[in-house]
Amino acid sequence: GAEELPQEPLQEQLQLQEPLQQDAAQVAKVLAGVVPQVYRLLSELPSAEFQAARKLLHGSRCVFVGSGFAPSTRVALKVPSKKSRK
């Protein structure tokens, strides 16, 4: 039969996950500061370069959603209603 690998106790697994969660939170925080700058730079590109970047990014996970990236086809943006604009 197949040889079973020894399993780490649950407490050890949780201790290993905690630093990873902290690292992920730190990365998300850094991205939250950098990504708007990248989007701004992309929006300031001349038309031909912007279209090339748009074509390159099409279908990729390029929309920052706070903790990572998602493809534009999977993101819903909240648009203010006409009532809230008055």
Protein backbone atom coordinates (compact mmCIF):
# COMPACT_ATOMS: atom_id res chain seq x y z
CA GLY A 1 0.00 0.00 0.00
CA ALA A 2 0.90 3.64 -0.14
CA GLU A 3 3.11 4.91 2.64
CA GLU A 4 1.43 7.62 4.71
CA LEU A 5 3.41 10.73 5.53
CA PRO A 6 3.39 11.84 9.17
CA GLN A 7 0.99 14.73 9.73
CA GLU A 8 1.99 17.80 11.69
CA PRO A 9 -0.12 18.55 14.73
CA LEU A 10 -2.84 21.13 14.05
CA GLN A 11 -1.22 23.66 16.37
CA GLU A 12 2.03 23.56 14.36
CA GLN A 13 0.11 24.03 11.11
CA LEU A 14 -1.70 27.06 12.52
CA GLN A 15 1.57 28.57 13.77
CA LEU A 16 3.01 28.24 10.26
CA GLN A 17 -0.06 29.88 8.69
CA GLU A 18 -0.04 32.97 10.95
CA PRO A 19 3.13 34.56 9.46
CA LEU A 20 1.82 33.83 5.96
CA GLN A 21 -1.43 35.65 6.75
CA GLN A 22 0.54 38.60 8.15
CA ASP A 23 2.70 38.64 5.01
CA ALA A 24 -0.40 38.58 2.80
CA ALA A 25 -1.90 41.49 4.72
CA GLN A 26 1.33 43.44 4.38
CA VAL A 27 1.51 42.76 0.63
CA ALA A 28 -2.13 43.86 0.22
CA LYS A 29 -1.33 47.08 2.09
CA VAL A 30 1.66 47.83 -0.16
CA LEU A 31 -0.37 47.04 -3.28
CA ALA A 32 -3.15 49.35 -2.12
CA GLY A 33 -0.62 52.18 -2.20
CA VAL A 34 1.12 51.27 -5.44
CA VAL A 35 -1.71 50.05 -7.68
CA PRO A 36 -3.52 53.43 -7.94
CA GLN A 37 -0.24 54.96 -9.13
CA VAL A 38 0.14 52.24 -11.78
CA TYR A 39 -3.45 52.78 -12.93
CA ARG A 40 -2.82 56.55 -13.12
CA LEU A 41 0.32 56.02 -15.19
CA LEU A 42 -1.55 53.68 -17.53
CA SER A 43 -4.35 56.21 -17.96
CA GLU A 44 -1.80 58.92 -18.87
CA LEU A 45 -0.27 56.90 -21.71
CA PRO A 46 -0.66 58.26 -25.22
CA SER A 47 -3.57 56.64 -27.05
CA ALA A 48 -1.55 54.11 -29.09
CA GLU A 49 0.42 52.92 -26.04
CA PHE A 50 -2.75 52.79 -23.93
CA GLN A 51 -4.47 50.62 -26.54
CA ALA A 52 -1.42 48.31 -26.66
CA ALA A 53 -1.43 47.98 -22.85
CA ARG A 54 -5.18 47.40 -22.87
CA LYS A 55 -4.80 44.63 -25.46
CA LEU A 56 -1.95 43.07 -23.47
CA LEU A 57 -3.96 43.09 -20.23
CA HIS A 58 -7.26 41.93 -21.75
CA GLY A 59 -8.55 38.87 -19.90
CA SER A 60 -5.83 38.97 -17.26
CA ARG A 61 -6.22 39.57 -13.55
CA CYS A 62 -5.52 43.30 -13.63
CA VAL A 63 -8.26 44.82 -11.46
CA PHE A 64 -7.12 45.31 -7.87
CA VAL A 65 -9.88 44.28 -5.46
CA GLY A 66 -8.19 45.05 -2.14
CA SER A 67 -6.54 41.73 -1.43
CA GLY A 68 -5.48 40.65 -4.90
CA PHE A 69 -6.34 40.93 -8.55
CA ALA A 70 -9.36 39.81 -10.55
CA PRO A 71 -10.16 39.80 -14.26
CA SER A 72 -12.38 42.68 -15.34
CA THR A 73 -15.07 40.20 -16.37
CA ARG A 74 -15.45 39.17 -12.71
CA VAL A 75 -15.69 42.63 -11.15
CA ALA A 76 -18.80 44.75 -10.63
CA LEU A 77 -18.27 48.44 -10.08
CA LYS A 78 -20.73 50.42 -8.01
CA VAL A 79 -22.05 53.33 -10.03
CA PRO A 80 -23.91 56.10 -8.18
CA SER A 81 -27.57 56.38 -9.07
CA LYS A 82 -28.98 59.60 -10.51
CA LYS A 83 -30.70 60.30 -7.17
CA SER A 84 -27.41 60.23 -5.25
CA ARG A 85 -25.74 62.66 -7.68
CA LYS A 86 -28.13 65.52 -6.89
